[in-house]
Amino acid sequence: MISIIRIENLPRDELLPLLEESKRMGFRFVERLIAEWESGENRFDKDGEALFIARDDKRVVGICGINIDPYLGDPQVGRVRHLYVIAKERRKGVGRELVQRVIEEARRHFLYLRLRAANEDSYRFYSALGFASVYGYENCTHFLDLK
């Protein structure tokens, strides 16, 4: 059983397995999330922002957040940030649950959601969740109208 939990303090030690695995797989966004949290640059604490973890009975198996889109600076536009699910838990609905919780929270604060997918698998994943693919934007591959 997976629980999606909104957090206000980063459980750094519990994120080490996600951090180590993501670095081995060539992804840097968990590392960036931790660094930005520790520096105070991004603590998901502005109006409408939130950070969620997915936890099974024993450990954190995924993470995902929402920020005001830093590339636009428009408080009506949110950005899905730093989705990562540990490899053993993929294709079991964990990522879907995390993003659906982010969308649920976003609907309360934003008119639109944007994100940049990292690879073809994530392109398909976000499209399956209802995000539209967009082209020609440096920092955005997908868009969701929340109205």
C-alpha atoms as a PDB file:
ATOM      1  CA  MET A   1       0.000   0.000   0.000  1.00  0.00           C
ATOM      2  CA  ILE A   2       1.391   3.373  -1.067  1.00  0.00           C
ATOM      3  CA  SER A   3       0.566   6.583   0.788  1.00  0.00           C
ATOM      4  CA  ILE A   4       1.007  10.025  -0.764  1.00  0.00           C
ATOM      5  CA  ILE A   5       2.022  12.490   1.926  1.00  0.00           C
ATOM      6  CA  ARG A   6       2.500  16.237   1.727  1.00  0.00           C
ATOM      7  CA  ILE A   7       5.697  17.177   3.521  1.00  0.00           C
ATOM      8  CA  GLU A   8       7.018  20.418   4.951  1.00  0.00           C
ATOM      9  CA  ASN A   9      10.396  19.110   6.069  1.00  0.00           C
ATOM     10  CA  LEU A  10      12.630  17.219   3.691  1.00  0.00           C
ATOM     11  CA  PRO A  11      13.452  13.706   4.990  1.00  0.00           C
ATOM     12  CA  ARG A  12      16.966  13.822   3.486  1.00  0.00           C
ATOM     13  CA  ASP A  13      18.139  10.491   4.926  1.00  0.00           C
ATOM     14  CA  GLU A  14      15.049   8.733   3.603  1.00  0.00           C
ATOM     15  CA  LEU A  15      15.686  10.183   0.142  1.00  0.00           C
ATOM     16  CA  LEU A  16      19.223   8.762  -0.130  1.00  0.00           C
ATOM     17  CA  PRO A  17      18.107   5.618  -2.034  1.00  0.00           C
ATOM     18  CA  LEU A  18      16.244   7.807  -4.563  1.00  0.00           C
ATOM     19  CA  LEU A  19      19.218  10.163  -4.805  1.00  0.00           C
ATOM     20  CA  GLU A  20      21.771   7.409  -5.353  1.00  0.00           C
ATOM     21  CA  GLU A  21      19.642   5.524  -7.876  1.00  0.00           C
ATOM     22  CA  SER A  22      18.707   8.652  -9.831  1.00  0.00           C
ATOM     23  CA  LYS A  23      22.364   9.688 -10.117  1.00  0.00           C
ATOM     24  CA  ARG A  24      23.326   6.195 -11.330  1.00  0.00           C
ATOM     25  CA  MET A  25      20.594   6.460 -13.981  1.00  0.00           C
ATOM     26  CA  GLY A  26      21.885   9.847 -15.138  1.00  0.00           C
ATOM     27  CA  PHE A  27      19.128  12.002 -13.635  1.00  0.00           C
ATOM     28  CA  ARG A  28      20.089  15.011 -11.536  1.00  0.00           C
ATOM     29  CA  PHE A  29      16.732  16.360 -10.410  1.00  0.00           C
ATOM     30  CA  VAL A  30      16.610  14.573  -7.014  1.00  0.00           C
ATOM     31  CA  GLU A  31      20.083  15.906  -6.314  1.00  0.00           C
ATOM     32  CA  ARG A  32      18.948  19.383  -7.412  1.00  0.00           C
ATOM     33  CA  LEU A  33      15.808  19.168  -5.258  1.00  0.00           C
ATOM     34  CA  ILE A  34      17.885  18.349  -2.161  1.00  0.00           C
ATOM     35  CA  ALA A  35      20.499  21.026  -2.896  1.00  0.00           C
ATOM     36  CA  GLU A  36      17.874  23.708  -3.520  1.00  0.00           C
ATOM     37  CA  TRP A  37      16.016  22.729  -0.343  1.00  0.00           C
ATOM     38  CA  GLU A  38      19.165  22.834   1.763  1.00  0.00           C
ATOM     39  CA  SER A  39      20.233  26.211   0.328  1.00  0.00           C
ATOM     40  CA  GLY A  40      16.743  27.626   0.862  1.00  0.00           C
ATOM     41  CA  GLU A  41      16.386  28.368  -2.858  1.00  0.00           C
ATOM     42  CA  ASN A  42      13.306  26.148  -3.198  1.00  0.00           C
ATOM     43  CA  ARG A  43      11.388  24.783  -0.237  1.00  0.00           C
ATOM     44  CA  PHE A  44       8.029  24.506  -2.003  1.00  0.00           C
ATOM     45  CA  ASP A  45       6.651  27.068   0.431  1.00  0.00           C
ATOM     46  CA  LYS A  46       5.236  29.849  -1.737  1.00  0.00           C
ATOM     47  CA  ASP A  47       1.495  30.201  -2.199  1.00  0.00           C
ATOM     48  CA  GLY A  48       0.221  27.127  -4.066  1.00  0.00           C
ATOM     49  CA  GLU A  49       3.493  25.214  -3.858  1.00  0.00           C
ATOM     50  CA  ALA A  50       3.766  21.764  -2.278  1.00  0.00           C
ATOM     51  CA  LEU A  51       6.056  18.747  -2.070  1.00  0.00           C
ATOM     52  CA  PHE A  52       4.798  15.175  -1.806  1.00  0.00           C
ATOM     53  CA  ILE A  53       6.424  11.830  -1.103  1.00  0.00           C
ATOM     54  CA  ALA A  54       5.134   8.363  -1.846  1.00  0.00           C
ATOM     55  CA  ARG A  55       5.769   5.961   1.002  1.00  0.00           C
ATOM     56  CA  ASP A  56       5.194   2.269   1.335  1.00  0.00           C
ATOM     57  CA  ASP A  57       5.160   0.679   4.778  1.00  0.00           C
ATOM     58  CA  LYS A  58       8.926   0.972   5.155  1.00  0.00           C
ATOM     59  CA  ARG A  59      10.402   3.666   2.934  1.00  0.00           C
ATOM     60  CA  VAL A  60      10.051   6.603   0.592  1.00  0.00           C
ATOM     61  CA  VAL A  61       9.626   5.288  -2.961  1.00  0.00           C
ATOM     62  CA  GLY A  62       8.852   8.493  -4.848  1.00  0.00           C
ATOM     63  CA  ILE A  63       8.757  12.265  -4.756  1.00  0.00           C
ATOM     64  CA  CYS A  64       7.102  15.062  -6.734  1.00  0.00           C
ATOM     65  CA  GLY A  65       6.403  18.725  -6.190  1.00  0.00           C
ATOM     66  CA  ILE A  66       4.718  21.773  -7.598  1.00  0.00           C
ATOM     67  CA  ASN A  67       6.120  25.281  -7.794  1.00  0.00           C
ATOM     68  CA  ILE A  68       5.086  28.539  -9.348  1.00  0.00           C
ATOM     69  CA  ASP A  69       6.722  28.095 -12.755  1.00  0.00           C
ATOM     70  CA  PRO A  70      10.128  29.770 -12.293  1.00  0.00           C
ATOM     71  CA  TYR A  71      10.574  30.186 -16.042  1.00  0.00           C
ATOM     72  CA  LEU A  72       7.473  32.368 -16.322  1.00  0.00           C
ATOM     73  CA  GLY A  73       7.150  33.973 -12.906  1.00  0.00           C
ATOM     74  CA  ASP A  74       3.376  34.059 -13.386  1.00  0.00           C
ATOM     75  CA  PRO A  75       1.604  33.110 -10.120  1.00  0.00           C
ATOM     76  CA  GLN A  76      -1.238  31.546 -12.134  1.00  0.00           C
ATOM     77  CA  VAL A  77       1.077  28.977 -13.742  1.00  0.00           C
ATOM     78  CA  GLY A  78       2.389  26.018 -11.765  1.00  0.00           C
ATOM     79  CA  ARG A  79       5.170  23.640 -12.681  1.00  0.00           C
ATOM     80  CA  VAL A  80       5.415  19.926 -11.905  1.00  0.00           C
ATOM     81  CA  ARG A  81       8.862  19.441 -10.409  1.00  0.00           C
ATOM     82  CA  HIS A  82      11.280  16.634  -9.688  1.00  0.00           C
ATOM     83  CA  LEU A  83       9.074  13.554 -10.155  1.00  0.00           C
ATOM     84  CA  TYR A  84      11.118  10.483  -9.357  1.00  0.00           C
ATOM     85  CA  VAL A  85       9.960   6.966  -8.486  1.00  0.00           C
ATOM     86  CA  ILE A  86      12.428   4.299  -7.450  1.00  0.00           C
ATOM     87  CA  ALA A  87      12.870   1.767 -10.282  1.00  0.00           C
ATOM     88  CA  LYS A  88      11.386  -1.228  -8.420  1.00  0.00           C
ATOM     89  CA  GLU A  89       8.117   0.662  -7.919  1.00  0.00           C
ATOM     90  CA  ARG A  90       7.643   1.936 -11.475  1.00  0.00           C
ATOM     91  CA  ARG A  91       4.677   0.851 -13.561  1.00  0.00           C
ATOM     92  CA  LYS A  92       2.685   0.238 -10.375  1.00  0.00           C
ATOM     93  CA  GLY A  93       0.841   3.565 -10.333  1.00  0.00           C
ATOM     94  CA  VAL A  94       3.103   5.404  -7.877  1.00  0.00           C
ATOM     95  CA  GLY A  95       4.080   8.148 -10.330  1.00  0.00           C
ATOM     96  CA  ARG A  96       0.473   8.495 -11.448  1.00  0.00           C
ATOM     97  CA  GLU A  97      -0.685   8.899  -7.833  1.00  0.00           C
ATOM     98  CA  LEU A  98       1.989  11.503  -7.128  1.00  0.00           C
ATOM     99  CA  VAL A  99       1.164  13.562 -10.219  1.00  0.00           C
ATOM    100  CA  GLN A 100      -2.579  13.261  -9.618  1.00  0.00           C
ATOM    101  CA  ARG A 101      -2.048  14.615  -6.096  1.00  0.00           C
ATOM    102  CA  VAL A 102       0.010  17.480  -7.553  1.00  0.00           C
ATOM    103  CA  ILE A 103      -2.770  18.223 -10.075  1.00  0.00           C
ATOM    104  CA  GLU A 104      -5.379  18.140  -7.298  1.00  0.00           C
ATOM    105  CA  GLU A 105      -3.358  20.672  -5.300  1.00  0.00           C
ATOM    106  CA  ALA A 106      -2.638  22.776  -8.401  1.00  0.00           C
ATOM    107  CA  ARG A 107      -6.352  23.121  -9.222  1.00  0.00           C
ATOM    108  CA  ARG A 108      -6.764  25.053  -5.965  1.00  0.00           C
ATOM    109  CA  HIS A 109      -4.127  27.644  -6.890  1.00  0.00           C
ATOM    110  CA  PHE A 110      -3.213  27.710 -10.581  1.00  0.00           C
ATOM    111  CA  LEU A 111      -4.883  28.022 -13.978  1.00  0.00           C
ATOM    112  CA  TYR A 112      -2.232  26.020 -15.839  1.00  0.00           C
ATOM    113  CA  LEU A 113       0.492  23.472 -15.199  1.00  0.00           C
ATOM    114  CA  ARG A 114       3.682  23.115 -17.214  1.00  0.00           C
ATOM    115  CA  LEU A 115       6.610  20.717 -17.124  1.00  0.00           C
ATOM    116  CA  ARG A 116       9.594  19.467 -19.068  1.00  0.00           C
ATOM    117  CA  ALA A 117       9.695  15.720 -19.658  1.00  0.00           C
ATOM    118  CA  ALA A 118      13.164  14.171 -19.452  1.00  0.00           C
ATOM    119  CA  ASN A 119      12.784  11.340 -21.982  1.00  0.00           C
ATOM    120  CA  GLU A 120      10.376   9.426 -24.234  1.00  0.00           C
ATOM    121  CA  ASP A 121       8.958   7.363 -21.358  1.00  0.00           C
ATOM    122  CA  SER A 122       8.096  10.503 -19.417  1.00  0.00           C
ATOM    123  CA  TYR A 123       6.641  12.099 -22.569  1.00  0.00           C
ATOM    124  CA  ARG A 124       4.213   9.182 -22.874  1.00  0.00           C
ATOM    125  CA  PHE A 125       3.546   9.135 -19.124  1.00  0.00           C
ATOM    126  CA  TYR A 126       2.482  12.788 -18.968  1.00  0.00           C
ATOM    127  CA  SER A 127       0.457  12.515 -22.161  1.00  0.00           C
ATOM    128  CA  ALA A 128      -1.444   9.570 -20.649  1.00  0.00           C
ATOM    129  CA  LEU A 129      -2.264  11.791 -17.657  1.00  0.00           C
ATOM    130  CA  GLY A 130      -3.903  14.368 -19.911  1.00  0.00           C
ATOM    131  CA  PHE A 131      -1.042  16.797 -20.458  1.00  0.00           C
ATOM    132  CA  ALA A 132      -0.798  18.173 -23.993  1.00  0.00           C
ATOM    133  CA  SER A 133       2.572  18.063 -25.741  1.00  0.00           C
ATOM    134  CA  VAL A 134       3.864  21.487 -26.728  1.00  0.00           C
ATOM    135  CA  TYR A 135       6.734  22.367 -29.019  1.00  0.00           C
ATOM    136  CA  GLY A 136       9.051  25.308 -29.436  1.00  0.00           C
ATOM    137  CA  TYR A 137       9.483  26.135 -25.759  1.00  0.00           C
ATOM    138  CA  GLU A 138      12.916  25.742 -24.218  1.00  0.00           C
ATOM    139  CA  ASN A 139      11.659  24.830 -20.748  1.00  0.00           C
ATOM    140  CA  CYS A 140       8.335  23.167 -21.437  1.00  0.00           C
ATOM    141  CA  THR A 141       7.305  19.981 -23.193  1.00  0.00           C
ATOM    142  CA  HIS A 142       3.837  19.519 -21.658  1.00  0.00           C
ATOM    143  CA  PHE A 143       0.957  21.720 -20.587  1.00  0.00           C
ATOM    144  CA  LEU A 144      -2.286  21.143 -18.665  1.00  0.00           C
ATOM    145  CA  ASP A 145      -5.198  23.576 -18.593  1.00  0.00           C
ATOM    146  CA  LEU A 146      -6.716  23.372 -15.109  1.00  0.00           C
ATOM    147  CA  LYS A 147      -9.733  25.593 -15.826  1.00  0.00           C
END
